[in-house]
Amino acid sequence: MADKGQRPDDHRRKWDLSEYEKAAKMREDVEKAMNRDRSDDGEKVKRDLLRTRDYKVDLDSRLGKSTVITKNTPQSATGGYYCNVCDCVVKDSINFLDHINGKKHQRNMGMSMKVERSSLDQVKARFNMNKRKMEEKKKDYDFDQRLAELKEEEERAKEYKKEKRKEKKRKTDDDGDELGGDPAMMALMGFSGFGGSKK
């Protein structure tokens, strides 16, 4: 028979609240233990703001070179681009650039994906710096000097062509001697030229 607290037509399931409270507390303790190495007391880790790279990304040094890969070859020496920060290999340059500009790589380097907001003075200083660079380029460009360089380059090209023509002429003069042997005997056997005549 049913208890007096329960009615016979009560079909709802009853839960043991104390058992579920214990399970929830254990799960919470496990999560705290797992997150303990990430931060202390639930504080967020302070990361640096995103900044420009001060080095050139090396994409061309191993281009066109072949390497022998064995079972004992370290991961950094296998084919592709190796990221020493994330300890991974990316197979092509486009994906490598996507990786080093991505969130995971930047986080491993200790940076967030947020950029420092520039002030008005910083923007003006950058414009002035770029303006000075443009003025220096204009000063470096000397029209007369450039014209003299072009004339000199044309003279070198003419000399080169003249030398090539002379060399070709020398080769054609020497072609008669190239077959070797007596010219009378060659004519008798039918080994004359190939239809070309010297003019």
N, C-alpha and C. Protein backbone atom coordinates (compact mmCIF):
# COMPACT_ATOMS: atom_id res chain seq x y z
N MET A 1 0.83 -1.17 0.00
CA MET A 1 0.00 0.00 0.00
C MET A 1 0.88 1.24 0.00
N ALA A 2 0.31 2.33 -0.41
CA ALA A 2 1.04 3.57 -0.51
C ALA A 2 1.09 4.27 0.82
N ASP A 3 2.12 5.15 1.01
CA ASP A 3 2.22 5.92 2.24
C ASP A 3 1.07 6.90 2.29
N LYS A 4 0.88 7.41 3.49
CA LYS A 4 -0.18 8.39 3.63
C LYS A 4 0.20 9.70 2.98
N GLY A 5 1.56 9.97 2.81
CA GLY A 5 2.00 11.21 2.17
C GLY A 5 1.81 11.14 0.66
N GLN A 6 1.77 9.93 0.11
CA GLN A 6 1.61 9.78 -1.34
C GLN A 6 0.22 9.28 -1.65
N ARG A 7 -0.31 9.82 -2.73
CA ARG A 7 -1.61 9.33 -3.17
C ARG A 7 -1.40 8.19 -4.14
N PRO A 8 -2.31 7.29 -4.28
CA PRO A 8 -2.14 6.16 -5.18
C PRO A 8 -2.10 6.57 -6.66
N ASP A 9 -2.69 7.67 -7.00
CA ASP A 9 -2.68 8.09 -8.41
C ASP A 9 -1.49 9.02 -8.73
N ASP A 10 -0.52 9.19 -7.78
CA ASP A 10 0.67 10.05 -8.00
C ASP A 10 1.72 9.25 -8.77
N HIS A 11 1.90 9.54 -10.02
CA HIS A 11 2.80 8.78 -10.89
C HIS A 11 4.14 9.48 -11.13
N ARG A 12 4.39 10.60 -10.50
CA ARG A 12 5.64 11.34 -10.72
C ARG A 12 6.80 10.65 -10.04
N ARG A 13 7.99 10.80 -10.68
CA ARG A 13 9.19 10.17 -10.16
C ARG A 13 9.75 11.02 -9.02
N LYS A 14 10.25 10.39 -8.00
CA LYS A 14 10.81 11.10 -6.85
C LYS A 14 12.32 11.03 -6.92
N TRP A 15 13.02 12.16 -6.62
CA TRP A 15 14.47 12.25 -6.71
C TRP A 15 15.08 12.30 -5.31
N ASP A 16 16.24 11.65 -5.17
CA ASP A 16 16.98 11.70 -3.91
C ASP A 16 17.89 12.91 -3.97
N LEU A 17 17.48 14.00 -3.39
CA LEU A 17 18.21 15.28 -3.50
C LEU A 17 19.60 15.21 -2.88
N SER A 18 19.79 14.54 -1.78
CA SER A 18 21.10 14.49 -1.12
C SER A 18 22.13 13.78 -2.01
N GLU A 19 21.72 12.73 -2.72
CA GLU A 19 22.64 12.00 -3.61
C GLU A 19 23.09 12.89 -4.77
N TYR A 20 22.18 13.64 -5.35
CA TYR A 20 22.54 14.52 -6.47
C TYR A 20 23.37 15.71 -6.02
N GLU A 21 23.16 16.19 -4.80
CA GLU A 21 24.00 17.27 -4.28
C GLU A 21 25.44 16.80 -4.12
N LYS A 22 25.63 15.54 -3.63
CA LYS A 22 26.97 14.99 -3.50
C LYS A 22 27.66 14.86 -4.87
N ALA A 23 26.95 14.37 -5.87
CA ALA A 23 27.52 14.20 -7.22
C ALA A 23 27.90 15.55 -7.82
N ALA A 24 27.07 16.56 -7.62
CA ALA A 24 27.36 17.90 -8.16
C ALA A 24 28.59 18.49 -7.48
N LYS A 25 28.71 18.29 -6.17
CA LYS A 25 29.87 18.80 -5.43
C LYS A 25 31.15 18.11 -5.90
N MET A 26 31.11 16.80 -6.15
CA MET A 26 32.28 16.07 -6.64
C MET A 26 32.69 16.58 -8.03
N ARG A 27 31.69 16.78 -8.89
CA ARG A 27 31.99 17.27 -10.24
C ARG A 27 32.61 18.67 -10.18
N GLU A 28 32.12 19.50 -9.29
CA GLU A 28 32.67 20.85 -9.11
C GLU A 28 34.11 20.80 -8.62
N ASP A 29 34.41 19.89 -7.70
CA ASP A 29 35.78 19.74 -7.19
C ASP A 29 36.73 19.30 -8.31
N VAL A 30 36.28 18.38 -9.16
CA VAL A 30 37.11 17.91 -10.27
C VAL A 30 37.39 19.05 -11.24
N GLU A 31 36.37 19.86 -11.57
CA GLU A 31 36.56 20.99 -12.49
C GLU A 31 37.52 22.02 -11.90
N LYS A 32 37.43 22.27 -10.59
CA LYS A 32 38.36 23.21 -9.95
C LYS A 32 39.79 22.69 -10.02
N ALA A 33 39.96 21.39 -9.82
CA ALA A 33 41.30 20.80 -9.89
C ALA A 33 41.86 20.90 -11.30
N MET A 34 41.01 20.73 -12.31
CA MET A 34 41.48 20.81 -13.70
C MET A 34 41.84 22.25 -14.09
N ASN A 35 41.10 23.21 -13.58
CA ASN A 35 41.32 24.62 -13.94
C ASN A 35 42.31 25.33 -13.03
N ARG A 36 42.84 24.63 -12.04
CA ARG A 36 43.74 25.26 -11.08
C ARG A 36 45.01 25.78 -11.75
N ASP A 37 45.53 25.03 -12.77
CA ASP A 37 46.77 25.45 -13.43
C ASP A 37 46.53 26.64 -14.36
N ARG A 38 45.31 26.86 -14.81
CA ARG A 38 45.05 27.98 -15.73
C ARG A 38 45.04 29.32 -15.01
N SER A 39 44.35 29.40 -13.93
CA SER A 39 44.30 30.68 -13.20
C SER A 39 44.00 30.41 -11.73
N ASP A 40 44.35 31.38 -10.91
CA ASP A 40 44.12 31.25 -9.47
C ASP A 40 42.85 32.01 -9.09
N ASP A 41 42.03 31.40 -8.27
CA ASP A 41 40.83 32.01 -7.71
C ASP A 41 39.88 32.51 -8.80
N GLY A 42 39.86 31.88 -9.95
CA GLY A 42 38.92 32.25 -11.00
C GLY A 42 39.24 33.55 -11.71
N GLU A 43 40.43 34.14 -11.48
CA GLU A 43 40.80 35.38 -12.17
C GLU A 43 41.16 35.09 -13.61
N LYS A 44 40.86 36.04 -14.49
CA LYS A 44 41.24 35.88 -15.89
C LYS A 44 42.71 36.24 -16.04
N VAL A 45 43.39 35.52 -16.97
CA VAL A 45 44.79 35.78 -17.24
C VAL A 45 44.88 37.05 -18.07
N LYS A 46 45.75 37.96 -17.68
CA LYS A 46 45.92 39.21 -18.42
C LYS A 46 46.89 38.97 -19.57
N ARG A 47 46.44 39.21 -20.79
CA ARG A 47 47.26 39.02 -21.98
C ARG A 47 47.61 40.36 -22.59
N ASP A 48 48.76 40.39 -23.30
CA ASP A 48 49.18 41.61 -23.99
C ASP A 48 48.27 41.88 -25.17
N LEU A 49 48.23 43.14 -25.57
CA LEU A 49 47.47 43.51 -26.76
C LEU A 49 48.23 43.08 -28.01
N LEU A 50 47.51 42.83 -29.07
CA LEU A 50 48.10 42.39 -30.33
C LEU A 50 49.01 43.49 -30.88
N ARG A 51 50.20 43.11 -31.34
CA ARG A 51 51.14 44.09 -31.89
C ARG A 51 51.76 43.55 -33.17
N THR A 52 52.36 44.43 -33.93
CA THR A 52 52.94 44.03 -35.22
C THR A 52 54.19 43.18 -34.99
N ARG A 53 54.48 42.33 -35.98
CA ARG A 53 55.64 41.45 -35.92
C ARG A 53 56.90 42.27 -36.16
N ASP A 54 57.95 42.03 -35.40
CA ASP A 54 59.21 42.76 -35.60
C ASP A 54 60.24 41.90 -36.33
N TYR A 55 59.80 40.81 -36.95
CA TYR A 55 60.69 39.95 -37.71
C TYR A 55 59.98 39.55 -39.00
N LYS A 56 60.77 39.11 -39.98
CA LYS A 56 60.20 38.69 -41.27
C LYS A 56 59.92 37.19 -41.21
N VAL A 57 58.74 36.79 -41.66
CA VAL A 57 58.38 35.37 -41.68
C VAL A 57 59.14 34.69 -42.80
N ASP A 58 59.85 33.62 -42.47
CA ASP A 58 60.70 32.92 -43.43
C ASP A 58 59.88 31.85 -44.16
N LEU A 59 59.48 32.16 -45.41
CA LEU A 59 58.71 31.21 -46.20
C LEU A 59 59.53 30.65 -47.35
N ASP A 60 60.63 31.30 -47.73
CA ASP A 60 61.36 30.94 -48.94
C ASP A 60 62.65 30.18 -48.71
N SER A 61 63.11 30.02 -47.49
CA SER A 61 64.44 29.44 -47.27
C SER A 61 64.52 27.98 -47.72
N ARG A 62 63.47 27.21 -47.53
CA ARG A 62 63.51 25.80 -47.90
C ARG A 62 62.73 25.51 -49.17
N LEU A 63 62.40 26.56 -49.92
CA LEU A 63 61.61 26.41 -51.13
C LEU A 63 62.43 25.72 -52.21
N GLY A 64 61.88 24.68 -52.82
CA GLY A 64 62.55 23.97 -53.90
C GLY A 64 63.62 23.00 -53.46
N LYS A 65 63.79 22.80 -52.17
CA LYS A 65 64.80 21.87 -51.67
C LYS A 65 64.13 20.57 -51.26
N SER A 66 64.83 19.47 -51.46
CA SER A 66 64.28 18.18 -51.07
C SER A 66 65.04 17.66 -49.86
N THR A 67 64.31 17.01 -48.96
CA THR A 67 64.92 16.44 -47.77
C THR A 67 64.48 14.99 -47.63
N VAL A 68 65.36 14.18 -47.04
CA VAL A 68 65.05 12.78 -46.79
C VAL A 68 64.44 12.69 -45.39
N ILE A 69 63.27 12.08 -45.31
CA ILE A 69 62.56 11.97 -44.04
C ILE A 69 62.53 10.50 -43.64
N THR A 70 63.01 10.21 -42.43
CA THR A 70 62.98 8.84 -41.91
C THR A 70 62.10 8.79 -40.69
N LYS A 71 62.03 7.62 -40.07
CA LYS A 71 61.23 7.49 -38.85
C LYS A 71 61.81 8.32 -37.70
N ASN A 72 63.12 8.50 -37.72
CA ASN A 72 63.79 9.20 -36.62
C ASN A 72 63.92 10.70 -36.86
N THR A 73 63.42 11.19 -37.97
CA THR A 73 63.51 12.63 -38.27
C THR A 73 62.64 13.40 -37.28
N PRO A 74 63.20 14.45 -36.66
CA PRO A 74 62.37 15.23 -35.74
C PRO A 74 61.25 15.94 -36.50
N GLN A 75 60.20 16.28 -35.78
CA GLN A 75 59.03 16.88 -36.41
C GLN A 75 59.36 18.21 -37.07
N SER A 76 60.31 18.95 -36.52
CA SER A 76 60.66 20.25 -37.08
C SER A 76 61.38 20.14 -38.42
N ALA A 77 61.95 18.97 -38.74
CA ALA A 77 62.69 18.80 -39.99
C ALA A 77 61.88 18.08 -41.05
N THR A 78 60.64 17.73 -40.76
CA THR A 78 59.82 17.06 -41.77
C THR A 78 59.32 18.08 -42.77
N GLY A 79 58.65 17.62 -43.80
CA GLY A 79 58.16 18.51 -44.84
C GLY A 79 57.11 19.47 -44.30
N GLY A 80 57.15 20.70 -44.79
CA GLY A 80 56.17 21.69 -44.37
C GLY A 80 56.81 22.76 -43.51
N TYR A 81 55.98 23.57 -42.91
CA TYR A 81 56.41 24.70 -42.08
C TYR A 81 56.16 24.35 -40.62
N TYR A 82 57.21 24.45 -39.80
CA TYR A 82 57.13 24.07 -38.40
C TYR A 82 56.94 25.30 -37.53
N CYS A 83 55.96 25.26 -36.64
CA CYS A 83 55.72 26.34 -35.67
C CYS A 83 56.27 25.88 -34.33
N ASN A 84 57.35 26.51 -33.87
CA ASN A 84 57.96 26.07 -32.62
C ASN A 84 57.18 26.54 -31.39
N VAL A 85 56.31 27.53 -31.54
CA VAL A 85 55.49 27.99 -30.41
C VAL A 85 54.41 26.96 -30.10
N CYS A 86 53.73 26.48 -31.14
CA CYS A 86 52.63 25.55 -30.98
C CYS A 86 53.05 24.09 -31.16
N ASP A 87 54.31 23.86 -31.61
CA ASP A 87 54.85 22.53 -31.85
C ASP A 87 53.96 21.76 -32.83
N CYS A 88 53.76 22.36 -34.01
CA CYS A 88 52.97 21.70 -35.04
C CYS A 88 53.58 21.98 -36.41
N VAL A 89 53.23 21.13 -37.38
CA VAL A 89 53.72 21.28 -38.75
C VAL A 89 52.53 21.59 -39.65
N VAL A 90 52.69 22.64 -40.47
CA VAL A 90 51.65 23.02 -41.43
C VAL A 90 52.22 22.77 -42.81
N LYS A 91 51.43 22.23 -43.72
CA LYS A 91 51.95 21.73 -44.98
C LYS A 91 52.19 22.80 -46.04
N ASP A 92 51.48 23.91 -46.04
CA ASP A 92 51.73 24.92 -47.08
C ASP A 92 51.78 26.32 -46.49
N SER A 93 52.29 27.26 -47.28
CA SER A 93 52.58 28.60 -46.78
C SER A 93 51.32 29.38 -46.43
N ILE A 94 50.25 29.21 -47.18
CA ILE A 94 49.03 29.96 -46.90
C ILE A 94 48.45 29.54 -45.56
N ASN A 95 48.39 28.23 -45.32
CA ASN A 95 47.88 27.75 -44.03
C ASN A 95 48.82 28.12 -42.89
N PHE A 96 50.14 28.18 -43.16
CA PHE A 96 51.09 28.58 -42.13
C PHE A 96 50.85 30.04 -41.73
N LEU A 97 50.64 30.91 -42.72
CA LEU A 97 50.34 32.31 -42.40
C LEU A 97 49.03 32.43 -41.64
N ASP A 98 48.02 31.64 -42.05
CA ASP A 98 46.76 31.65 -41.32
C ASP A 98 46.97 31.19 -39.88
N HIS A 99 47.84 30.20 -39.69
CA HIS A 99 48.10 29.69 -38.34
C HIS A 99 48.78 30.73 -37.46
N ILE A 100 49.85 31.37 -37.98
CA ILE A 100 50.58 32.31 -37.11
C ILE A 100 49.80 33.60 -36.88
N ASN A 101 48.79 33.87 -37.70
CA ASN A 101 47.93 35.03 -37.45
C ASN A 101 46.67 34.65 -36.68
N GLY A 102 46.52 33.37 -36.37
CA GLY A 102 45.30 32.89 -35.73
C GLY A 102 45.28 33.04 -34.22
N LYS A 103 44.11 32.79 -33.68
CA LYS A 103 43.86 32.98 -32.24
C LYS A 103 44.68 32.04 -31.37
N LYS A 104 44.77 30.75 -31.77
CA LYS A 104 45.48 29.77 -30.94
C LYS A 104 46.96 30.12 -30.82
N HIS A 105 47.60 30.47 -31.94
CA HIS A 105 49.02 30.81 -31.93
C HIS A 105 49.27 32.08 -31.11
N GLN A 106 48.43 33.08 -31.30
CA GLN A 106 48.59 34.34 -30.56
C GLN A 106 48.39 34.11 -29.06
N ARG A 107 47.46 33.24 -28.71
CA ARG A 107 47.24 32.94 -27.29
C ARG A 107 48.45 32.24 -26.70
N ASN A 108 49.06 31.32 -27.47
CA ASN A 108 50.26 30.63 -26.99
C ASN A 108 51.43 31.59 -26.84
N MET A 109 51.44 32.68 -27.61
CA MET A 109 52.49 33.68 -27.49
C MET A 109 52.20 34.68 -26.36
N GLY A 110 51.02 34.56 -25.74
CA GLY A 110 50.68 35.44 -24.62
C GLY A 110 49.99 36.72 -25.04
N MET A 111 49.38 36.71 -26.21
CA MET A 111 48.68 37.91 -26.68
C MET A 111 47.20 37.61 -26.88
N SER A 112 46.41 38.63 -26.69
CA SER A 112 44.99 38.50 -27.01
C SER A 112 44.80 39.00 -28.44
N MET A 113 43.61 38.88 -28.96
CA MET A 113 43.35 39.33 -30.33
C MET A 113 42.87 40.77 -30.36
N LYS A 114 42.97 41.46 -29.23
CA LYS A 114 42.54 42.86 -29.17
C LYS A 114 43.70 43.77 -29.55
N VAL A 115 43.39 44.84 -30.27
CA VAL A 115 44.40 45.77 -30.75
C VAL A 115 44.31 47.06 -29.94
N GLU A 116 45.47 47.64 -29.65
CA GLU A 116 45.49 48.90 -28.91
C GLU A 116 44.87 49.99 -29.76
N ARG A 117 44.03 50.78 -29.15
CA ARG A 117 43.37 51.87 -29.87
C ARG A 117 44.33 53.04 -29.98
N SER A 118 44.53 53.54 -31.19
CA SER A 118 45.48 54.63 -31.43
C SER A 118 44.85 55.97 -31.06
N SER A 119 45.69 56.86 -30.54
CA SER A 119 45.21 58.20 -30.22
C SER A 119 45.41 59.10 -31.43
N LEU A 120 44.87 60.27 -31.38
CA LEU A 120 44.98 61.22 -32.49
C LEU A 120 46.44 61.62 -32.71
N ASP A 121 47.19 61.82 -31.63
CA ASP A 121 48.61 62.20 -31.75
C ASP A 121 49.43 61.09 -32.43
N GLN A 122 49.13 59.83 -32.12
CA GLN A 122 49.85 58.72 -32.75
C GLN A 122 49.57 58.66 -34.25
N VAL A 123 48.33 58.92 -34.63
CA VAL A 123 47.97 58.90 -36.05
C VAL A 123 48.67 60.05 -36.78
N LYS A 124 48.70 61.23 -36.19
CA LYS A 124 49.38 62.37 -36.82
C LYS A 124 50.88 62.10 -36.96
N ALA A 125 51.47 61.51 -35.94
CA ALA A 125 52.91 61.20 -35.99
C ALA A 125 53.19 60.19 -37.11
N ARG A 126 52.32 59.20 -37.28
CA ARG A 126 52.51 58.21 -38.34
C ARG A 126 52.39 58.86 -39.72
N PHE A 127 51.42 59.78 -39.89
CA PHE A 127 51.28 60.49 -41.16
C PHE A 127 52.53 61.31 -41.47
N ASN A 128 53.06 61.99 -40.46
CA ASN A 128 54.27 62.80 -40.66
C ASN A 128 55.46 61.92 -41.03
N MET A 129 55.58 60.77 -40.40
CA MET A 129 56.69 59.87 -40.70
C MET A 129 56.60 59.37 -42.14
N ASN A 130 55.39 59.00 -42.57
CA ASN A 130 55.22 58.53 -43.95
C ASN A 130 55.47 59.65 -44.95
N LYS A 131 55.10 60.87 -44.60
CA LYS A 131 55.33 62.02 -45.49
C LYS A 131 56.83 62.26 -45.66
N ARG A 132 57.59 62.17 -44.56
CA ARG A 132 59.06 62.33 -44.65
C ARG A 132 59.69 61.26 -45.51
N LYS A 133 59.20 60.00 -45.39
CA LYS A 133 59.72 58.91 -46.22
C LYS A 133 59.49 59.19 -47.70
N MET A 134 58.31 59.69 -48.03
CA MET A 134 58.00 59.99 -49.44
C MET A 134 58.90 61.11 -49.96
N GLU A 135 59.16 62.12 -49.14
CA GLU A 135 60.04 63.22 -49.55
C GLU A 135 61.47 62.74 -49.76
N GLU A 136 61.95 61.83 -48.91
CA GLU A 136 63.29 61.27 -49.08
C GLU A 136 63.40 60.48 -50.38
N LYS A 137 62.35 59.75 -50.73
CA LYS A 137 62.36 58.99 -51.98
C LYS A 137 62.43 59.93 -53.17
N LYS A 138 61.72 61.05 -53.11
CA LYS A 138 61.74 62.02 -54.21
C LYS A 138 63.13 62.63 -54.37
N LYS A 139 63.79 62.90 -53.26
CA LYS A 139 65.13 63.48 -53.31
C LYS A 139 66.13 62.47 -53.90
N ASP A 140 65.95 61.21 -53.58
CA ASP A 140 66.87 60.18 -54.06
C ASP A 140 66.77 60.00 -55.57
N TYR A 141 65.64 60.31 -56.15
CA TYR A 141 65.43 60.09 -57.57
C TYR A 141 65.99 61.27 -58.36
N ASP A 142 67.07 61.03 -59.09
CA ASP A 142 67.71 62.07 -59.91
C ASP A 142 67.51 61.70 -61.37
N PHE A 143 66.82 62.57 -62.12
CA PHE A 143 66.45 62.26 -63.50
C PHE A 143 67.68 62.12 -64.40
N ASP A 144 68.62 63.05 -64.30
CA ASP A 144 69.81 63.01 -65.16
C ASP A 144 70.64 61.75 -64.91
N GLN A 145 70.78 61.41 -63.65
CA GLN A 145 71.56 60.22 -63.31
C GLN A 145 70.87 58.97 -63.86
N ARG A 146 69.56 58.91 -63.76
CA ARG A 146 68.81 57.77 -64.26
C ARG A 146 68.93 57.67 -65.79
N LEU A 147 68.91 58.81 -66.48
CA LEU A 147 69.05 58.84 -67.93
C LEU A 147 70.43 58.33 -68.35
N ALA A 148 71.46 58.74 -67.63
CA ALA A 148 72.82 58.27 -67.93
C ALA A 148 72.92 56.76 -67.73
N GLU A 149 72.29 56.24 -66.67
CA GLU A 149 72.31 54.80 -66.41
C GLU A 149 71.63 54.04 -67.54
N LEU A 150 70.51 54.56 -68.04
CA LEU A 150 69.80 53.90 -69.13
C LEU A 150 70.64 53.88 -70.41
N LYS A 151 71.32 55.00 -70.72
CA LYS A 151 72.17 55.05 -71.92
C LYS A 151 73.31 54.03 -71.79
N GLU A 152 73.90 53.97 -70.63
CA GLU A 152 74.99 53.02 -70.40
C GLU A 152 74.51 51.58 -70.57
N GLU A 153 73.32 51.31 -70.07
CA GLU A 153 72.74 49.97 -70.19
C GLU A 153 72.48 49.63 -71.66
N GLU A 154 72.00 50.60 -72.45
CA GLU A 154 71.77 50.38 -73.88
C GLU A 154 73.08 50.08 -74.61
N GLU A 155 74.14 50.81 -74.25
CA GLU A 155 75.45 50.57 -74.87
C GLU A 155 75.94 49.16 -74.58
N ARG A 156 75.76 48.72 -73.34
CA ARG A 156 76.17 47.36 -72.98
C ARG A 156 75.39 46.32 -73.78
N ALA A 157 74.08 46.57 -73.96
CA ALA A 157 73.25 45.64 -74.73
C ALA A 157 73.71 45.59 -76.19
N LYS A 158 74.06 46.76 -76.78
CA LYS A 158 74.54 46.80 -78.17
C LYS A 158 75.86 46.03 -78.30
N GLU A 159 76.77 46.23 -77.35
CA GLU A 159 78.05 45.52 -77.37
C GLU A 159 77.83 44.01 -77.28
N TYR A 160 76.92 43.61 -76.45
CA TYR A 160 76.63 42.19 -76.26
C TYR A 160 76.09 41.59 -77.57
N LYS A 161 75.15 42.32 -78.23
CA LYS A 161 74.60 41.84 -79.50
C LYS A 161 75.68 41.74 -80.57
N LYS A 162 76.57 42.74 -80.59
CA LYS A 162 77.64 42.76 -81.58
C LYS A 162 78.56 41.55 -81.37
N GLU A 163 78.90 41.27 -80.12
CA GLU A 163 79.75 40.11 -79.81
C GLU A 163 79.06 38.81 -80.21
N LYS A 164 77.77 38.71 -79.99
CA LYS A 164 77.02 37.51 -80.36
C LYS A 164 77.06 37.31 -81.87
N ARG A 165 76.85 38.41 -82.64
CA ARG A 165 76.89 38.32 -84.10
C ARG A 165 78.26 37.85 -84.59
N LYS A 166 79.31 38.43 -84.01
CA LYS A 166 80.67 38.04 -84.40
C LYS A 166 80.92 36.56 -84.09
N GLU A 167 80.47 36.12 -82.92
CA GLU A 167 80.65 34.73 -82.52
C GLU A 167 79.88 33.79 -83.45
N LYS A 168 78.67 34.18 -83.84
CA LYS A 168 77.87 33.37 -84.74
C LYS A 168 78.54 33.28 -86.12
N LYS A 169 79.11 34.42 -86.57
CA LYS A 169 79.80 34.45 -87.86
C LYS A 169 81.02 33.52 -87.83
N ARG A 170 81.76 33.56 -86.72
CA ARG A 170 82.92 32.68 -86.58
C ARG A 170 82.50 31.21 -86.64
N LYS A 171 81.37 30.89 -86.02
CA LYS A 171 80.88 29.51 -86.02
C LYS A 171 80.52 29.07 -87.42
N THR A 172 79.84 29.93 -88.18
CA THR A 172 79.46 29.55 -89.55
C THR A 172 80.69 29.39 -90.44
N ASP A 173 81.72 30.21 -90.22
CA ASP A 173 82.96 30.05 -90.99
C ASP A 173 83.63 28.72 -90.66
N ASP A 174 83.55 28.30 -89.41
CA ASP A 174 84.20 27.07 -88.98
C ASP A 174 83.38 25.82 -89.33
N ASP A 175 82.10 25.98 -89.73
CA ASP A 175 81.25 24.82 -90.00
C ASP A 175 81.76 23.98 -91.16
N GLY A 176 82.41 24.58 -92.14
CA GLY A 176 82.96 23.81 -93.26
C GLY A 176 84.00 22.82 -92.78
N ASP A 177 84.77 23.21 -91.79
CA ASP A 177 85.82 22.34 -91.26
C ASP A 177 85.27 21.36 -90.24
N GLU A 178 84.04 21.56 -89.83
CA GLU A 178 83.47 20.75 -88.76
C GLU A 178 83.29 19.30 -89.17
N LEU A 179 82.89 19.05 -90.45
CA LEU A 179 82.69 17.66 -90.89
C LEU A 179 84.01 16.92 -91.00
N GLY A 180 85.09 17.65 -91.25
CA GLY A 180 86.42 17.04 -91.32
C GLY A 180 86.60 16.24 -92.61
N GLY A 181 87.82 15.98 -92.99
CA GLY A 181 88.08 15.19 -94.19
C GLY A 181 88.36 16.08 -95.40
N ASP A 182 88.66 15.42 -96.49
CA ASP A 182 89.01 16.09 -97.73
C ASP A 182 87.74 16.59 -98.42
N PRO A 183 87.66 17.88 -98.83
CA PRO A 183 86.45 18.39 -99.46
C PRO A 183 86.16 17.71 -100.80
N ALA A 184 87.18 17.32 -101.58
CA ALA A 184 86.96 16.66 -102.87
C ALA A 184 86.32 15.29 -102.65
N MET A 185 86.80 14.55 -101.66
CA MET A 185 86.26 13.23 -101.36
C MET A 185 84.82 13.36 -100.87
N MET A 186 84.55 14.38 -100.05
CA MET A 186 83.20 14.58 -99.52
C MET A 186 82.23 14.91 -100.66
N ALA A 187 82.67 15.72 -101.62
CA ALA A 187 81.83 16.08 -102.75
C ALA A 187 81.54 14.85 -103.61
N LEU A 188 82.57 13.99 -103.77
CA LEU A 188 82.40 12.76 -104.56
C LEU A 188 81.36 11.84 -103.92
N MET A 189 81.36 11.78 -102.59
CA MET A 189 80.43 10.91 -101.87
C MET A 189 79.06 11.56 -101.69
N GLY A 190 78.93 12.83 -102.01
CA GLY A 190 77.64 13.52 -101.90
C GLY A 190 77.43 14.21 -100.57
N PHE A 191 78.51 14.40 -99.79
CA PHE A 191 78.39 15.08 -98.50
C PHE A 191 78.76 16.54 -98.64
N SER A 192 77.99 17.27 -99.38
CA SER A 192 78.26 18.71 -99.43
C SER A 192 77.44 19.37 -98.33
N GLY A 193 77.17 20.64 -98.42
CA GLY A 193 76.42 21.34 -97.37
C GLY A 193 74.97 20.95 -97.34
N PHE A 194 74.21 21.59 -96.50
CA PHE A 194 72.78 21.31 -96.35
C PHE A 194 71.95 22.33 -97.13
N GLY A 195 72.42 22.79 -98.25
CA GLY A 195 71.65 23.71 -99.06
C GLY A 195 71.92 25.15 -98.75
N GLY A 196 72.68 25.43 -97.71
CA GLY A 196 72.98 26.84 -97.35
C GLY A 196 74.20 27.28 -98.13
N SER A 197 74.17 28.49 -98.61
CA SER A 197 75.33 29.01 -99.34
C SER A 197 75.81 30.25 -98.64
N LYS A 198 77.11 30.44 -98.66
CA LYS A 198 77.69 31.61 -98.01
C LYS A 198 77.67 32.76 -99.00
N LYS A 199 77.26 33.88 -98.54
CA LYS A 199 77.20 35.06 -99.40
C LYS A 199 78.17 36.09 -98.93
